[in-house]
Amino acid sequence: MEILMSIVVGVLFTSAVYLILSKSLLRVIIGTALLSHGAHLLLLTMSGLKTGDAPVLMDGVTSYTDPLPQALVLTAIVISFGVTAFFLVLAFRAYQELGTDNMEEMKGNDSND
């Protein structure tokens, strides 16, 4: 199971880097979202994906599931959602002002910096 998850993480990272290096602003945003999803999956994979009893410690309990990886990933999902929403609003505003999402056309030239 961990090998399959590692392959999925590698595919997500590879496609995210490819999209981030493109010239379209929308592809860059999708690439950052994919990169964050790959990081979430990597955190869960490296934590071992243990299943077992409830993550509550009481006297005499020897088997439990560590809740820390799930809490970290849940926090990271909320943060990446906020960052992606901010990027989308920023890209929409840039498209309204400039009329393009091409990064090469967005660059200023010598007469218009």
N, C-alpha and C. Protein backbone atom coordinates (compact mmCIF):
# COMPACT_ATOMS: atom_id res chain seq x y z
N MET A 1 0.82 -1.20 0.00
CA MET A 1 0.00 0.00 0.00
C MET A 1 0.87 1.26 0.00
N GLU A 2 1.96 1.22 0.79
CA GLU A 2 2.83 2.40 0.85
C GLU A 2 3.54 2.65 -0.48
N ILE A 3 3.83 1.58 -1.20
CA ILE A 3 4.52 1.75 -2.49
C ILE A 3 3.59 2.43 -3.49
N LEU A 4 2.33 2.04 -3.51
CA LEU A 4 1.36 2.67 -4.40
C LEU A 4 1.18 4.14 -4.04
N MET A 5 1.10 4.43 -2.74
CA MET A 5 0.95 5.82 -2.31
C MET A 5 2.18 6.64 -2.68
N SER A 6 3.36 6.05 -2.58
CA SER A 6 4.58 6.75 -2.96
C SER A 6 4.61 7.06 -4.45
N ILE A 7 4.11 6.14 -5.25
CA ILE A 7 4.04 6.38 -6.69
C ILE A 7 3.06 7.50 -7.00
N VAL A 8 1.93 7.52 -6.31
CA VAL A 8 0.94 8.59 -6.52
C VAL A 8 1.52 9.94 -6.11
N VAL A 9 2.27 9.96 -5.00
CA VAL A 9 2.92 11.20 -4.56
C VAL A 9 3.91 11.67 -5.62
N GLY A 10 4.69 10.76 -6.18
CA GLY A 10 5.64 11.12 -7.22
C GLY A 10 4.97 11.66 -8.47
N VAL A 11 3.85 11.04 -8.86
CA VAL A 11 3.11 11.52 -10.03
C VAL A 11 2.53 12.91 -9.75
N LEU A 12 1.99 13.12 -8.55
CA LEU A 12 1.45 14.44 -8.20
C LEU A 12 2.55 15.50 -8.21
N PHE A 13 3.70 15.20 -7.62
CA PHE A 13 4.80 16.16 -7.61
C PHE A 13 5.30 16.45 -9.02
N THR A 14 5.41 15.41 -9.85
CA THR A 14 5.90 15.60 -11.21
C THR A 14 4.95 16.48 -12.02
N SER A 15 3.66 16.17 -11.95
CA SER A 15 2.70 16.97 -12.71
C SER A 15 2.59 18.38 -12.15
N ALA A 16 2.75 18.54 -10.83
CA ALA A 16 2.70 19.87 -10.23
C ALA A 16 3.87 20.73 -10.70
N VAL A 17 5.05 20.16 -10.72
CA VAL A 17 6.22 20.92 -11.18
C VAL A 17 6.08 21.28 -12.65
N TYR A 18 5.56 20.36 -13.45
CA TYR A 18 5.34 20.65 -14.88
C TYR A 18 4.36 21.82 -15.04
N LEU A 19 3.28 21.81 -14.28
CA LEU A 19 2.29 22.88 -14.40
C LEU A 19 2.82 24.20 -13.85
N ILE A 20 3.60 24.16 -12.79
CA ILE A 20 4.14 25.39 -12.21
C ILE A 20 5.12 26.05 -13.18
N LEU A 21 5.82 25.28 -13.97
CA LEU A 21 6.80 25.83 -14.92
C LEU A 21 6.18 26.30 -16.23
N SER A 22 4.86 26.21 -16.36
CA SER A 22 4.23 26.65 -17.60
C SER A 22 4.01 28.16 -17.58
N LYS A 23 3.57 28.71 -18.71
CA LYS A 23 3.42 30.16 -18.84
C LYS A 23 2.03 30.66 -18.47
N SER A 24 1.07 29.77 -18.34
CA SER A 24 -0.29 30.17 -18.02
C SER A 24 -0.46 30.30 -16.51
N LEU A 25 -1.04 31.39 -16.09
CA LEU A 25 -1.22 31.64 -14.66
C LEU A 25 -2.18 30.63 -14.04
N LEU A 26 -3.20 30.23 -14.76
CA LEU A 26 -4.15 29.26 -14.24
C LEU A 26 -3.48 27.90 -14.04
N ARG A 27 -2.59 27.52 -14.95
CA ARG A 27 -1.85 26.27 -14.78
C ARG A 27 -0.92 26.33 -13.58
N VAL A 28 -0.35 27.47 -13.32
CA VAL A 28 0.52 27.63 -12.14
C VAL A 28 -0.30 27.44 -10.87
N ILE A 29 -1.50 27.98 -10.84
CA ILE A 29 -2.36 27.82 -9.66
C ILE A 29 -2.77 26.37 -9.47
N ILE A 30 -3.12 25.70 -10.56
CA ILE A 30 -3.47 24.28 -10.46
C ILE A 30 -2.25 23.47 -10.02
N GLY A 31 -1.07 23.86 -10.49
CA GLY A 31 0.16 23.18 -10.08
C GLY A 31 0.45 23.34 -8.60
N THR A 32 0.22 24.52 -8.06
CA THR A 32 0.43 24.70 -6.61
C THR A 32 -0.58 23.91 -5.80
N ALA A 33 -1.81 23.80 -6.31
CA ALA A 33 -2.82 22.99 -5.62
C ALA A 33 -2.42 21.51 -5.65
N LEU A 34 -1.94 21.03 -6.79
CA LEU A 34 -1.48 19.64 -6.88
C LEU A 34 -0.28 19.39 -5.99
N LEU A 35 0.61 20.36 -5.91
CA LEU A 35 1.78 20.21 -5.05
C LEU A 35 1.37 20.10 -3.58
N SER A 36 0.40 20.89 -3.18
CA SER A 36 -0.06 20.80 -1.79
C SER A 36 -0.76 19.47 -1.53
N HIS A 37 -1.54 18.97 -2.52
CA HIS A 37 -2.17 17.66 -2.33
C HIS A 37 -1.12 16.56 -2.24
N GLY A 38 -0.08 16.68 -3.04
CA GLY A 38 1.00 15.70 -2.94
C GLY A 38 1.70 15.74 -1.59
N ALA A 39 1.87 16.94 -1.04
CA ALA A 39 2.49 17.05 0.28
C ALA A 39 1.59 16.46 1.36
N HIS A 40 0.28 16.65 1.23
CA HIS A 40 -0.65 16.06 2.20
C HIS A 40 -0.57 14.54 2.15
N LEU A 41 -0.58 14.01 0.95
CA LEU A 41 -0.50 12.56 0.79
C LEU A 41 0.84 12.02 1.28
N LEU A 42 1.91 12.79 1.08
CA LEU A 42 3.22 12.37 1.56
C LEU A 42 3.25 12.32 3.09
N LEU A 43 2.65 13.31 3.74
CA LEU A 43 2.59 13.29 5.21
C LEU A 43 1.83 12.07 5.72
N LEU A 44 0.70 11.79 5.09
CA LEU A 44 -0.08 10.62 5.53
C LEU A 44 0.66 9.32 5.25
N THR A 45 1.35 9.25 4.12
CA THR A 45 2.07 8.03 3.79
C THR A 45 3.25 7.81 4.74
N MET A 46 3.97 8.87 5.05
CA MET A 46 5.13 8.73 5.92
C MET A 46 4.73 8.45 7.37
N SER A 47 3.49 8.79 7.74
CA SER A 47 3.05 8.51 9.11
C SER A 47 2.66 7.05 9.29
N GLY A 48 2.52 6.31 8.22
CA GLY A 48 2.27 4.88 8.32
C GLY A 48 0.83 4.48 8.08
N LEU A 49 -0.11 5.41 8.02
CA LEU A 49 -1.52 5.12 7.80
C LEU A 49 -2.01 4.00 8.70
N LYS A 50 -1.82 4.16 9.97
CA LYS A 50 -2.23 3.13 10.93
C LYS A 50 -3.73 3.19 11.17
N THR A 51 -4.31 2.05 11.25
CA THR A 51 -5.72 1.96 11.64
C THR A 51 -5.78 1.15 12.92
N GLY A 52 -6.70 1.50 13.75
CA GLY A 52 -6.80 0.79 15.01
C GLY A 52 -7.88 1.42 15.86
N ASP A 53 -7.61 1.44 17.13
CA ASP A 53 -8.58 1.96 18.09
C ASP A 53 -8.64 3.48 18.02
N ALA A 54 -9.55 4.03 18.77
CA ALA A 54 -9.74 5.47 18.82
C ALA A 54 -8.49 6.15 19.39
N PRO A 55 -8.22 7.39 18.98
CA PRO A 55 -7.02 8.09 19.46
C PRO A 55 -7.23 8.70 20.85
N VAL A 56 -7.75 7.92 21.77
CA VAL A 56 -7.99 8.39 23.13
C VAL A 56 -7.15 7.54 24.07
N LEU A 57 -6.37 8.20 24.90
CA LEU A 57 -5.53 7.49 25.85
C LEU A 57 -6.21 7.44 27.21
N MET A 58 -6.36 6.25 27.73
CA MET A 58 -6.89 6.06 29.07
C MET A 58 -5.99 5.04 29.76
N ASP A 59 -6.22 4.85 31.00
CA ASP A 59 -5.44 3.87 31.75
C ASP A 59 -5.69 2.47 31.20
N GLY A 60 -4.63 1.77 30.92
CA GLY A 60 -4.74 0.39 30.47
C GLY A 60 -4.86 0.22 28.96
N VAL A 61 -4.93 1.29 28.20
CA VAL A 61 -5.06 1.18 26.75
C VAL A 61 -3.66 1.03 26.14
N THR A 62 -3.48 0.00 25.34
CA THR A 62 -2.16 -0.23 24.73
C THR A 62 -2.19 -0.01 23.22
N SER A 63 -3.35 -0.10 22.61
CA SER A 63 -3.45 0.07 21.16
C SER A 63 -4.28 1.31 20.85
N TYR A 64 -3.67 2.24 20.13
CA TYR A 64 -4.38 3.45 19.75
C TYR A 64 -3.77 3.99 18.46
N THR A 65 -4.48 4.89 17.82
CA THR A 65 -4.02 5.51 16.58
C THR A 65 -3.52 6.91 16.88
N ASP A 66 -2.37 7.25 16.31
CA ASP A 66 -1.80 8.57 16.53
C ASP A 66 -2.60 9.62 15.74
N PRO A 67 -3.20 10.61 16.41
CA PRO A 67 -4.02 11.59 15.70
C PRO A 67 -3.22 12.75 15.11
N LEU A 68 -1.93 12.85 15.41
CA LEU A 68 -1.14 13.99 14.97
C LEU A 68 -1.03 14.13 13.45
N PRO A 69 -0.75 13.06 12.69
CA PRO A 69 -0.67 13.23 11.23
C PRO A 69 -1.97 13.70 10.61
N GLN A 70 -3.10 13.18 11.08
CA GLN A 70 -4.38 13.61 10.55
C GLN A 70 -4.65 15.06 10.88
N ALA A 71 -4.28 15.50 12.08
CA ALA A 71 -4.47 16.90 12.47
C ALA A 71 -3.58 17.82 11.64
N LEU A 72 -2.35 17.41 11.39
CA LEU A 72 -1.45 18.22 10.57
C LEU A 72 -1.97 18.35 9.13
N VAL A 73 -2.45 17.25 8.57
CA VAL A 73 -2.94 17.29 7.20
C VAL A 73 -4.22 18.10 7.11
N LEU A 74 -5.09 18.00 8.10
CA LEU A 74 -6.32 18.79 8.09
C LEU A 74 -6.00 20.27 8.15
N THR A 75 -5.04 20.66 8.97
CA THR A 75 -4.63 22.05 9.03
C THR A 75 -4.01 22.50 7.71
N ALA A 76 -3.20 21.65 7.12
CA ALA A 76 -2.57 21.99 5.84
C ALA A 76 -3.60 22.11 4.72
N ILE A 77 -4.65 21.30 4.76
CA ILE A 77 -5.70 21.40 3.74
C ILE A 77 -6.40 22.74 3.83
N VAL A 78 -6.70 23.17 5.04
CA VAL A 78 -7.37 24.46 5.23
C VAL A 78 -6.48 25.61 4.75
N ILE A 79 -5.20 25.55 5.07
CA ILE A 79 -4.27 26.60 4.65
C ILE A 79 -4.13 26.61 3.13
N SER A 80 -3.99 25.44 2.51
CA SER A 80 -3.84 25.39 1.05
C SER A 80 -5.12 25.84 0.35
N PHE A 81 -6.27 25.59 0.94
CA PHE A 81 -7.52 26.09 0.35
C PHE A 81 -7.53 27.62 0.36
N GLY A 82 -7.12 28.21 1.47
CA GLY A 82 -7.07 29.67 1.54
C GLY A 82 -6.07 30.27 0.56
N VAL A 83 -4.91 29.66 0.44
CA VAL A 83 -3.89 30.15 -0.49
C VAL A 83 -4.36 30.01 -1.94
N THR A 84 -5.01 28.89 -2.27
CA THR A 84 -5.52 28.69 -3.62
C THR A 84 -6.62 29.69 -3.93
N ALA A 85 -7.49 29.96 -2.98
CA ALA A 85 -8.55 30.96 -3.19
C ALA A 85 -7.94 32.34 -3.42
N PHE A 86 -6.91 32.68 -2.66
CA PHE A 86 -6.23 33.96 -2.85
C PHE A 86 -5.59 34.04 -4.22
N PHE A 87 -4.91 32.97 -4.65
CA PHE A 87 -4.29 32.95 -5.97
C PHE A 87 -5.33 33.11 -7.08
N LEU A 88 -6.48 32.46 -6.93
CA LEU A 88 -7.53 32.56 -7.95
C LEU A 88 -8.08 33.98 -8.05
N VAL A 89 -8.29 34.63 -6.90
CA VAL A 89 -8.77 36.01 -6.92
C VAL A 89 -7.71 36.92 -7.53
N LEU A 90 -6.46 36.70 -7.19
CA LEU A 90 -5.38 37.50 -7.75
C LEU A 90 -5.27 37.31 -9.27
N ALA A 91 -5.41 36.08 -9.72
CA ALA A 91 -5.34 35.80 -11.16
C ALA A 91 -6.54 36.40 -11.89
N PHE A 92 -7.71 36.34 -11.27
CA PHE A 92 -8.89 36.92 -11.90
C PHE A 92 -8.74 38.43 -12.04
N ARG A 93 -8.21 39.07 -11.01
CA ARG A 93 -8.01 40.52 -11.06
C ARG A 93 -6.93 40.88 -12.10
N ALA A 94 -5.88 40.09 -12.19
CA ALA A 94 -4.85 40.33 -13.19
C ALA A 94 -5.41 40.14 -14.60
N TYR A 95 -6.28 39.16 -14.77
CA TYR A 95 -6.90 38.95 -16.08
C TYR A 95 -7.84 40.10 -16.44
N GLN A 96 -8.54 40.64 -15.45
CA GLN A 96 -9.40 41.79 -15.72
C GLN A 96 -8.59 43.01 -16.14
N GLU A 97 -7.47 43.22 -15.50
CA GLU A 97 -6.66 44.40 -15.80
C GLU A 97 -5.86 44.26 -17.10
N LEU A 98 -5.29 43.08 -17.31
CA LEU A 98 -4.36 42.89 -18.42
C LEU A 98 -4.97 42.17 -19.62
N GLY A 99 -6.05 41.44 -19.42
CA GLY A 99 -6.69 40.73 -20.51
C GLY A 99 -6.01 39.46 -20.95
N THR A 100 -5.08 38.94 -20.15
CA THR A 100 -4.38 37.71 -20.49
C THR A 100 -3.95 37.01 -19.20
N ASP A 101 -3.71 35.70 -19.33
CA ASP A 101 -3.13 34.97 -18.21
C ASP A 101 -1.75 34.41 -18.56
N ASN A 102 -1.21 34.84 -19.68
CA ASN A 102 0.11 34.43 -20.12
C ASN A 102 1.16 35.22 -19.35
N MET A 103 2.06 34.52 -18.69
CA MET A 103 3.06 35.17 -17.85
C MET A 103 4.05 35.99 -18.68
N GLU A 104 4.32 35.57 -19.91
CA GLU A 104 5.24 36.33 -20.76
C GLU A 104 4.65 37.67 -21.16
N GLU A 105 3.35 37.70 -21.41
CA GLU A 105 2.69 38.94 -21.79
C GLU A 105 2.46 39.86 -20.60
N MET A 106 2.48 39.34 -19.39
CA MET A 106 2.28 40.14 -18.19
C MET A 106 3.52 40.92 -17.80
N LYS A 107 4.69 40.47 -18.27
CA LYS A 107 5.92 41.16 -17.91
C LYS A 107 5.94 42.55 -18.51
N GLY A 108 6.45 43.49 -17.74
CA GLY A 108 6.59 44.85 -18.26
C GLY A 108 7.76 44.92 -19.22
N ASN A 109 7.72 45.92 -20.08
CA ASN A 109 8.86 46.15 -20.97
C ASN A 109 9.57 47.43 -20.54
N ASP A 110 10.54 47.88 -21.30
CA ASP A 110 11.34 49.03 -20.89
C ASP A 110 10.50 50.30 -20.81
N SER A 111 9.53 50.46 -21.68
CA SER A 111 8.72 51.69 -21.66
C SER A 111 7.55 51.59 -20.69
N ASN A 112 7.20 50.39 -20.23
CA ASN A 112 6.02 50.22 -19.38
C ASN A 112 6.36 49.30 -18.21
N ASP A 113 7.06 49.82 -17.21
CA ASP A 113 7.43 49.01 -16.04
C ASP A 113 6.47 49.23 -14.91
